[in-house]
Amino acid sequence: MNIGKKLKYLRLSLGLNRKQFAHGVVNETYLAYVENEEGKIRAKDLIAILNQNHLSIIAFLADFGNIQSDSFFYENQANDAFFNQDVQKL
């Protein structure tokens, strides 16, 4: 599974349309490109979409590599960096 397909899966599982899922982050046309593997999404936009839909960044990334499920420390660090707009730390 790639990032776009996983975003689509999560969006549909939440019962949201593209506009609702990415509200205020990216428009629904851009999200459609990402979901259909025609475009890429910036990390900060991905994180913003996940956060506003109350989805775990670590859980999302678990399918894309060897991320241990007990790495809450890293998730908290990533969330803190995001909310403090600390791009370097993120």
PDB file of N, CA and C in Angstrom:
ATOM      1  N   MET A   1       0.848  -1.182   0.000  1.00  0.00           N
ATOM      2  CA  MET A   1       0.000   0.000   0.000  1.00  0.00           C
ATOM      3  C   MET A   1       0.889   1.240   0.000  1.00  0.00           C
ATOM      4  N   ASN A   2       0.491   2.255  -0.755  1.00  0.00           N
ATOM      5  CA  ASN A   2       1.245   3.507  -0.754  1.00  0.00           C
ATOM      6  C   ASN A   2       0.492   4.562   0.059  1.00  0.00           C
ATOM      7  N   ILE A   3       1.080   5.732   0.178  1.00  0.00           N
ATOM      8  CA  ILE A   3       0.510   6.782   1.015  1.00  0.00           C
ATOM      9  C   ILE A   3      -0.872   7.197   0.523  1.00  0.00           C
ATOM     10  N   GLY A   4      -1.004   7.400  -0.782  1.00  0.00           N
ATOM     11  CA  GLY A   4      -2.290   7.816  -1.330  1.00  0.00           C
ATOM     12  C   GLY A   4      -3.391   6.804  -1.086  1.00  0.00           C
ATOM     13  N   LYS A   5      -3.084   5.543  -1.318  1.00  0.00           N
ATOM     14  CA  LYS A   5      -4.082   4.491  -1.112  1.00  0.00           C
ATOM     15  C   LYS A   5      -4.465   4.387   0.363  1.00  0.00           C
ATOM     16  N   LYS A   6      -3.477   4.552   1.245  1.00  0.00           N
ATOM     17  CA  LYS A   6      -3.777   4.461   2.677  1.00  0.00           C
ATOM     18  C   LYS A   6      -4.633   5.642   3.122  1.00  0.00           C
ATOM     19  N   LEU A   7      -4.327   6.843   2.597  1.00  0.00           N
ATOM     20  CA  LEU A   7      -5.159   8.002   2.924  1.00  0.00           C
ATOM     21  C   LEU A   7      -6.606   7.775   2.472  1.00  0.00           C
ATOM     22  N   LYS A   8      -6.764   7.246   1.271  1.00  0.00           N
ATOM     23  CA  LYS A   8      -8.111   6.975   0.761  1.00  0.00           C
ATOM     24  C   LYS A   8      -8.827   5.953   1.640  1.00  0.00           C
ATOM     25  N   TYR A   9      -8.126   4.890   2.009  1.00  0.00           N
ATOM     26  CA  TYR A   9      -8.701   3.853   2.870  1.00  0.00           C
ATOM     27  C   TYR A   9      -9.173   4.461   4.199  1.00  0.00           C
ATOM     28  N   LEU A  10      -8.322   5.276   4.807  1.00  0.00           N
ATOM     29  CA  LEU A  10      -8.681   5.892   6.087  1.00  0.00           C
ATOM     30  C   LEU A  10      -9.847   6.859   5.925  1.00  0.00           C
ATOM     31  N   ARG A  11      -9.815   7.647   4.864  1.00  0.00           N
ATOM     32  CA  ARG A  11     -10.894   8.599   4.609  1.00  0.00           C
ATOM     33  C   ARG A  11     -12.235   7.883   4.474  1.00  0.00           C
ATOM     34  N   LEU A  12     -12.236   6.826   3.671  1.00  0.00           N
ATOM     35  CA  LEU A  12     -13.470   6.079   3.469  1.00  0.00           C
ATOM     36  C   LEU A  12     -13.926   5.380   4.748  1.00  0.00           C
ATOM     37  N   SER A  13     -12.957   4.890   5.538  1.00  0.00           N
ATOM     38  CA  SER A  13     -13.317   4.218   6.785  1.00  0.00           C
ATOM     39  C   SER A  13     -13.935   5.196   7.792  1.00  0.00           C
ATOM     40  N   LEU A  14     -13.605   6.482   7.654  1.00  0.00           N
ATOM     41  CA  LEU A  14     -14.189   7.515   8.512  1.00  0.00           C
ATOM     42  C   LEU A  14     -15.513   8.040   7.940  1.00  0.00           C
ATOM     43  N   GLY A  15     -15.848   7.608   6.736  1.00  0.00           N
ATOM     44  CA  GLY A  15     -17.091   8.045   6.110  1.00  0.00           C
ATOM     45  C   GLY A  15     -17.069   9.489   5.651  1.00  0.00           C
ATOM     46  N   LEU A  16     -15.877   9.972   5.278  1.00  0.00           N
ATOM     47  CA  LEU A  16     -15.733  11.371   4.874  1.00  0.00           C
ATOM     48  C   LEU A  16     -15.483  11.493   3.374  1.00  0.00           C
ATOM     49  N   ASN A  17     -15.934  12.607   2.805  1.00  0.00           N
ATOM     50  CA  ASN A  17     -15.546  12.874   1.425  1.00  0.00           C
ATOM     51  C   ASN A  17     -14.191  13.587   1.448  1.00  0.00           C
ATOM     52  N   ARG A  18     -13.609  13.807   0.291  1.00  0.00           N
ATOM     53  CA  ARG A  18     -12.266  14.399   0.242  1.00  0.00           C
ATOM     54  C   ARG A  18     -12.231  15.792   0.857  1.00  0.00           C
ATOM     55  N   LYS A  19     -13.255  16.576   0.602  1.00  0.00           N
ATOM     56  CA  LYS A  19     -13.293  17.939   1.129  1.00  0.00           C
ATOM     57  C   LYS A  19     -13.318  17.934   2.658  1.00  0.00           C
ATOM     58  N   GLN A  20     -14.111  17.056   3.236  1.00  0.00           N
ATOM     59  CA  GLN A  20     -14.197  16.963   4.696  1.00  0.00           C
ATOM     60  C   GLN A  20     -12.881  16.460   5.287  1.00  0.00           C
ATOM     61  N   PHE A  21     -12.272  15.472   4.660  1.00  0.00           N
ATOM     62  CA  PHE A  21     -11.071  14.835   5.181  1.00  0.00           C
ATOM     63  C   PHE A  21      -9.874  15.782   5.189  1.00  0.00           C
ATOM     64  N   ALA A  22      -9.743  16.603   4.149  1.00  0.00           N
ATOM     65  CA  ALA A  22      -8.560  17.462   4.009  1.00  0.00           C
ATOM     66  C   ALA A  22      -8.879  18.935   4.220  1.00  0.00           C
ATOM     67  N   HIS A  23     -10.023  19.224   4.822  1.00  0.00           N
ATOM     68  CA  HIS A  23     -10.494  20.594   5.001  1.00  0.00           C
ATOM     69  C   HIS A  23      -9.409  21.504   5.580  1.00  0.00           C
ATOM     70  N   GLY A  24      -9.130  22.585   4.861  1.00  0.00           N
ATOM     71  CA  GLY A  24      -8.175  23.574   5.352  1.00  0.00           C
ATOM     72  C   GLY A  24      -6.717  23.209   5.139  1.00  0.00           C
ATOM     73  N   VAL A  25      -6.443  22.017   4.617  1.00  0.00           N
ATOM     74  CA  VAL A  25      -5.051  21.604   4.405  1.00  0.00           C
ATOM     75  C   VAL A  25      -4.736  21.620   2.911  1.00  0.00           C
ATOM     76  N   VAL A  26      -5.428  20.801   2.157  1.00  0.00           N
ATOM     77  CA  VAL A  26      -5.317  20.775   0.693  1.00  0.00           C
ATOM     78  C   VAL A  26      -6.735  20.681   0.133  1.00  0.00           C
ATOM     79  N   ASN A  27      -6.896  21.029  -1.135  1.00  0.00           N
ATOM     80  CA  ASN A  27      -8.244  20.927  -1.700  1.00  0.00           C
ATOM     81  C   ASN A  27      -8.512  19.502  -2.165  1.00  0.00           C
ATOM     82  N   GLU A  28      -9.777  19.212  -2.413  1.00  0.00           N
ATOM     83  CA  GLU A  28     -10.173  17.843  -2.743  1.00  0.00           C
ATOM     84  C   GLU A  28      -9.600  17.364  -4.070  1.00  0.00           C
ATOM     85  N   THR A  29      -9.356  18.270  -5.003  1.00  0.00           N
ATOM     86  CA  THR A  29      -8.769  17.875  -6.284  1.00  0.00           C
ATOM     87  C   THR A  29      -7.342  17.380  -6.080  1.00  0.00           C
ATOM     88  N   TYR A  30      -6.592  18.102  -5.268  1.00  0.00           N
ATOM     89  CA  TYR A  30      -5.221  17.696  -4.984  1.00  0.00           C
ATOM     90  C   TYR A  30      -5.201  16.358  -4.240  1.00  0.00           C
ATOM     91  N   LEU A  31      -6.101  16.199  -3.269  1.00  0.00           N
ATOM     92  CA  LEU A  31      -6.166  14.940  -2.534  1.00  0.00           C
ATOM     93  C   LEU A  31      -6.503  13.793  -3.475  1.00  0.00           C
ATOM     94  N   ALA A  32      -7.358  14.034  -4.456  1.00  0.00           N
ATOM     95  CA  ALA A  32      -7.690  12.998  -5.440  1.00  0.00           C
ATOM     96  C   ALA A  32      -6.444  12.575  -6.213  1.00  0.00           C
ATOM     97  N   TYR A  33      -5.603  13.540  -6.596  1.00  0.00           N
ATOM     98  CA  TYR A  33      -4.353  13.203  -7.287  1.00  0.00           C
ATOM     99  C   TYR A  33      -3.468  12.319  -6.414  1.00  0.00           C
ATOM    100  N   VAL A  34      -3.379  12.671  -5.144  1.00  0.00           N
ATOM    101  CA  VAL A  34      -2.556  11.886  -4.212  1.00  0.00           C
ATOM    102  C   VAL A  34      -3.130  10.482  -4.064  1.00  0.00           C
ATOM    103  N   GLU A  35      -4.430  10.392  -3.847  1.00  0.00           N
ATOM    104  CA  GLU A  35      -5.071   9.086  -3.658  1.00  0.00           C
ATOM    105  C   GLU A  35      -4.943   8.192  -4.900  1.00  0.00           C
ATOM    106  N   ASN A  36      -4.918   8.817  -6.069  1.00  0.00           N
ATOM    107  CA  ASN A  36      -4.822   8.053  -7.324  1.00  0.00           C
ATOM    108  C   ASN A  36      -3.394   7.908  -7.824  1.00  0.00           C
ATOM    109  N   GLU A  37      -2.426   8.200  -6.950  1.00  0.00           N
ATOM    110  CA  GLU A  37      -1.000   8.048  -7.245  1.00  0.00           C
ATOM    111  C   GLU A  37      -0.529   8.926  -8.402  1.00  0.00           C
ATOM    112  N   GLU A  38      -1.203  10.053  -8.611  1.00  0.00           N
ATOM    113  CA  GLU A  38      -0.811  10.983  -9.662  1.00  0.00           C
ATOM    114  C   GLU A  38      -0.024  12.160  -9.103  1.00  0.00           C
ATOM    115  N   GLY A  39       0.040  12.263  -7.797  1.00  0.00           N
ATOM    116  CA  GLY A  39       0.753  13.349  -7.146  1.00  0.00           C
ATOM    117  C   GLY A  39       1.282  12.900  -5.796  1.00  0.00           C
ATOM    118  N   LYS A  40       2.153  13.708  -5.239  1.00  0.00           N
ATOM    119  CA  LYS A  40       2.736  13.418  -3.931  1.00  0.00           C
ATOM    120  C   LYS A  40       2.242  14.462  -2.943  1.00  0.00           C
ATOM    121  N   ILE A  41       2.280  14.103  -1.686  1.00  0.00           N
ATOM    122  CA  ILE A  41       1.835  15.022  -0.635  1.00  0.00           C
ATOM    123  C   ILE A  41       3.035  15.398   0.225  1.00  0.00           C
ATOM    124  N   ARG A  42       3.090  16.668   0.616  1.00  0.00           N
ATOM    125  CA  ARG A  42       4.177  17.128   1.488  1.00  0.00           C
ATOM    126  C   ARG A  42       3.961  16.567   2.887  1.00  0.00           C
ATOM    127  N   ALA A  43       5.044  16.328   3.584  1.00  0.00           N
ATOM    128  CA  ALA A  43       4.977  15.741   4.925  1.00  0.00           C
ATOM    129  C   ALA A  43       4.118  16.587   5.855  1.00  0.00           C
ATOM    130  N   LYS A  44       4.279  17.908   5.807  1.00  0.00           N
ATOM    131  CA  LYS A  44       3.500  18.762   6.721  1.00  0.00           C
ATOM    132  C   LYS A  44       2.013  18.688   6.417  1.00  0.00           C
ATOM    133  N   ASP A  45       1.638  18.517   5.148  1.00  0.00           N
ATOM    134  CA  ASP A  45       0.220  18.377   4.806  1.00  0.00           C
ATOM    135  C   ASP A  45      -0.319  17.024   5.251  1.00  0.00           C
ATOM    136  N   LEU A  46       0.473  15.982   5.074  1.00  0.00           N
ATOM    137  CA  LEU A  46       0.074  14.655   5.535  1.00  0.00           C
ATOM    138  C   LEU A  46      -0.165  14.664   7.041  1.00  0.00           C
ATOM    139  N   ILE A  47       0.760  15.228   7.776  1.00  0.00           N
ATOM    140  CA  ILE A  47       0.649  15.284   9.235  1.00  0.00           C
ATOM    141  C   ILE A  47      -0.567  16.107   9.646  1.00  0.00           C
ATOM    142  N   ALA A  48      -0.805  17.220   8.952  1.00  0.00           N
ATOM    143  CA  ALA A  48      -1.955  18.064   9.285  1.00  0.00           C
ATOM    144  C   ALA A  48      -3.265  17.318   9.053  1.00  0.00           C
ATOM    145  N   ILE A  49      -3.360  16.603   7.935  1.00  0.00           N
ATOM    146  CA  ILE A  49      -4.583  15.834   7.652  1.00  0.00           C
ATOM    147  C   ILE A  49      -4.792  14.760   8.706  1.00  0.00           C
ATOM    148  N   LEU A  50      -3.733  14.049   9.046  1.00  0.00           N
ATOM    149  CA  LEU A  50      -3.846  12.998  10.058  1.00  0.00           C
ATOM    150  C   LEU A  50      -4.259  13.579  11.403  1.00  0.00           C
ATOM    151  N   ASN A  51      -3.630  14.661  11.804  1.00  0.00           N
ATOM    152  CA  ASN A  51      -3.949  15.270  13.100  1.00  0.00           C
ATOM    153  C   ASN A  51      -5.378  15.767  13.166  1.00  0.00           C
ATOM    154  N   GLN A  52      -5.849  16.442  12.126  1.00  0.00           N
ATOM    155  CA  GLN A  52      -7.207  16.987  12.200  1.00  0.00           C
ATOM    156  C   GLN A  52      -8.272  15.900  12.171  1.00  0.00           C
ATOM    157  N   ASN A  53      -7.887  14.703  11.717  1.00  0.00           N
ATOM    158  CA  ASN A  53      -8.821  13.573  11.723  1.00  0.00           C
ATOM    159  C   ASN A  53      -8.555  12.626  12.884  1.00  0.00           C
ATOM    160  N   HIS A  54      -7.721  13.064  13.827  1.00  0.00           N
ATOM    161  CA  HIS A  54      -7.402  12.310  15.042  1.00  0.00           C
ATOM    162  C   HIS A  54      -6.829  10.927  14.714  1.00  0.00           C
ATOM    163  N   LEU A  55      -5.905  10.911  13.724  1.00  0.00           N
ATOM    164  CA  LEU A  55      -5.251   9.671  13.316  1.00  0.00           C
ATOM    165  C   LEU A  55      -3.786   9.730  13.720  1.00  0.00           C
ATOM    166  N   SER A  56      -3.268   8.642  14.215  1.00  0.00           N
ATOM    167  CA  SER A  56      -1.891   8.561  14.685  1.00  0.00           C
ATOM    168  C   SER A  56      -0.909   8.566  13.520  1.00  0.00           C
ATOM    169  N   ILE A  57       0.084   9.426  13.620  1.00  0.00           N
ATOM    170  CA  ILE A  57       1.141   9.474  12.605  1.00  0.00           C
ATOM    171  C   ILE A  57       1.921   8.166  12.604  1.00  0.00           C
ATOM    172  N   ILE A  58       2.255   7.681  13.775  1.00  0.00           N
ATOM    173  CA  ILE A  58       3.019   6.441  13.892  1.00  0.00           C
ATOM    174  C   ILE A  58       2.231   5.263  13.339  1.00  0.00           C
ATOM    175  N   ALA A  59       0.958   5.179  13.670  1.00  0.00           N
ATOM    176  CA  ALA A  59       0.131   4.088  13.149  1.00  0.00           C
ATOM    177  C   ALA A  59       0.043   4.168  11.628  1.00  0.00           C
ATOM    178  N   PHE A  60      -0.078   5.379  11.093  1.00  0.00           N
ATOM    179  CA  PHE A  60      -0.145   5.551   9.645  1.00  0.00           C
ATOM    180  C   PHE A  60       1.140   5.053   8.984  1.00  0.00           C
ATOM    181  N   LEU A  61       2.272   5.399   9.565  1.00  0.00           N
ATOM    182  CA  LEU A  61       3.561   5.052   8.969  1.00  0.00           C
ATOM    183  C   LEU A  61       3.966   3.596   9.195  1.00  0.00           C
ATOM    184  N   ALA A  62       3.287   2.908  10.078  1.00  0.00           N
ATOM    185  CA  ALA A  62       3.664   1.526  10.423  1.00  0.00           C
ATOM    186  C   ALA A  62       3.689   0.607   9.207  1.00  0.00           C
ATOM    187  N   ASP A  63       2.838   0.844   8.226  1.00  0.00           N
ATOM    188  CA  ASP A  63       2.810   0.002   7.028  1.00  0.00           C
ATOM    189  C   ASP A  63       3.968   0.280   6.082  1.00  0.00           C
ATOM    190  N   PHE A  64       4.732   1.326   6.342  1.00  0.00           N
ATOM    191  CA  PHE A  64       5.771   1.742   5.405  1.00  0.00           C
ATOM    192  C   PHE A  64       7.187   1.474   5.897  1.00  0.00           C
ATOM    193  N   GLY A  65       7.339   0.706   6.930  1.00  0.00           N
ATOM    194  CA  GLY A  65       8.674   0.423   7.419  1.00  0.00           C
ATOM    195  C   GLY A  65       8.636  -0.265   8.758  1.00  0.00           C
ATOM    196  N   ASN A  66       9.777  -0.426   9.329  1.00  0.00           N
ATOM    197  CA  ASN A  66       9.938  -1.141  10.584  1.00  0.00           C
ATOM    198  C   ASN A  66       9.796  -0.163  11.747  1.00  0.00           C
ATOM    199  N   ILE A  67       8.552   0.153  12.078  1.00  0.00           N
ATOM    200  CA  ILE A  67       8.273   1.047  13.193  1.00  0.00           C
ATOM    201  C   ILE A  67       7.668   0.215  14.311  1.00  0.00           C
ATOM    202  N   GLN A  68       8.272   0.274  15.465  1.00  0.00           N
ATOM    203  CA  GLN A  68       7.786  -0.509  16.591  1.00  0.00           C
ATOM    204  C   GLN A  68       6.521   0.125  17.146  1.00  0.00           C
ATOM    205  N   SER A  69       5.581  -0.714  17.508  1.00  0.00           N
ATOM    206  CA  SER A  69       4.312  -0.198  18.006  1.00  0.00           C
ATOM    207  C   SER A  69       4.449   0.508  19.349  1.00  0.00           C
ATOM    208  N   ASP A  70       5.556   0.281  20.052  1.00  0.00           N
ATOM    209  CA  ASP A  70       5.719   0.911  21.360  1.00  0.00           C
ATOM    210  C   ASP A  70       6.533   2.198  21.277  1.00  0.00           C
ATOM    211  N   SER A  71       6.570   2.819  20.120  1.00  0.00           N
ATOM    212  CA  SER A  71       7.375   4.032  19.951  1.00  0.00           C
ATOM    213  C   SER A  71       6.544   5.295  20.188  1.00  0.00           C
ATOM    214  N   PHE A  72       5.780   5.307  21.266  1.00  0.00           N
ATOM    215  CA  PHE A  72       4.960   6.465  21.600  1.00  0.00           C
ATOM    216  C   PHE A  72       5.825   7.704  21.840  1.00  0.00           C
ATOM    217  N   PHE A  73       7.054   7.486  22.300  1.00  0.00           N
ATOM    218  CA  PHE A  73       7.968   8.598  22.525  1.00  0.00           C
ATOM    219  C   PHE A  73       8.142   9.396  21.241  1.00  0.00           C
ATOM    220  N   TYR A  74       8.371   8.693  20.133  1.00  0.00           N
ATOM    221  CA  TYR A  74       8.594   9.363  18.852  1.00  0.00           C
ATOM    222  C   TYR A  74       7.327  10.038  18.347  1.00  0.00           C
ATOM    223  N   GLU A  75       6.197   9.427  18.569  1.00  0.00           N
ATOM    224  CA  GLU A  75       4.937  10.036  18.156  1.00  0.00           C
ATOM    225  C   GLU A  75       4.711  11.333  18.930  1.00  0.00           C
ATOM    226  N   ASN A  76       4.965  11.313  20.223  1.00  0.00           N
ATOM    227  CA  ASN A  76       4.799  12.521  21.025  1.00  0.00           C
ATOM    228  C   ASN A  76       5.766  13.611  20.591  1.00  0.00           C
ATOM    229  N   GLN A  77       6.997  13.221  20.290  1.00  0.00           N
ATOM    230  CA  GLN A  77       7.983  14.190  19.821  1.00  0.00           C
ATOM    231  C   GLN A  77       7.546  14.809  18.499  1.00  0.00           C
ATOM    232  N   ALA A  78       7.044  13.978  17.586  1.00  0.00           N
ATOM    233  CA  ALA A  78       6.584  14.472  16.287  1.00  0.00           C
ATOM    234  C   ALA A  78       5.381  15.393  16.449  1.00  0.00           C
ATOM    235  N   ASN A  79       4.452  15.014  17.306  1.00  0.00           N
ATOM    236  CA  ASN A  79       3.281  15.864  17.549  1.00  0.00           C
ATOM    237  C   ASN A  79       3.680  17.194  18.172  1.00  0.00           C
ATOM    238  N   ASP A  80       4.572  17.162  19.154  1.00  0.00           N
ATOM    239  CA  ASP A  80       5.037  18.396  19.785  1.00  0.00           C
ATOM    240  C   ASP A  80       5.715  19.309  18.768  1.00  0.00           C
ATOM    241  N   ALA A  81       6.580  18.726  17.938  1.00  0.00           N
ATOM    242  CA  ALA A  81       7.279  19.511  16.922  1.00  0.00           C
ATOM    243  C   ALA A  81       6.286  20.126  15.944  1.00  0.00           C
ATOM    244  N   PHE A  82       5.288  19.344  15.544  1.00  0.00           N
ATOM    245  CA  PHE A  82       4.291  19.858  14.609  1.00  0.00           C
ATOM    246  C   PHE A  82       3.517  21.017  15.212  1.00  0.00           C
ATOM    247  N   PHE A  83       2.990  20.843  16.411  1.00  0.00           N
ATOM    248  CA  PHE A  83       2.169  21.879  17.022  1.00  0.00           C
ATOM    249  C   PHE A  83       2.977  23.114  17.400  1.00  0.00           C
ATOM    250  N   ASN A  84       4.276  22.948  17.602  1.00  0.00           N
ATOM    251  CA  ASN A  84       5.144  24.083  17.882  1.00  0.00           C
ATOM    252  C   ASN A  84       5.783  24.640  16.618  1.00  0.00           C
ATOM    253  N   GLN A  85       5.390  24.093  15.473  1.00  0.00           N
ATOM    254  CA  GLN A  85       5.889  24.486  14.155  1.00  0.00           C
ATOM    255  C   GLN A  85       7.413  24.462  14.101  1.00  0.00           C
ATOM    256  N   ASP A  86       7.983  23.439  14.715  1.00  0.00           N
ATOM    257  CA  ASP A  86       9.431  23.254  14.731  1.00  0.00           C
ATOM    258  C   ASP A  86       9.797  22.273  13.614  1.00  0.00           C
ATOM    259  N   VAL A  87       9.956  22.808  12.400  1.00  0.00           N
ATOM    260  CA  VAL A  87      10.210  21.983  11.221  1.00  0.00           C
ATOM    261  C   VAL A  87      11.518  21.223  11.355  1.00  0.00           C
ATOM    262  N   GLN A  88      12.524  21.840  11.929  1.00  0.00           N
ATOM    263  CA  GLN A  88      13.826  21.181  12.065  1.00  0.00           C
ATOM    264  C   GLN A  88      13.712  19.955  12.969  1.00  0.00           C
ATOM    265  N   LYS A  89      13.019  20.084  14.067  1.00  0.00           N
ATOM    266  CA  LYS A  89      12.847  18.951  14.984  1.00  0.00           C
ATOM    267  C   LYS A  89      12.005  17.867  14.349  1.00  0.00           C
ATOM    268  N   LEU A  90      10.989  18.273  13.583  1.00  0.00           N
ATOM    269  CA  LEU A  90      10.104  17.329  12.926  1.00  0.00           C
ATOM    270  C   LEU A  90      10.865  16.519  11.904  1.00  0.00           C
TER     271      LEU A  90
END
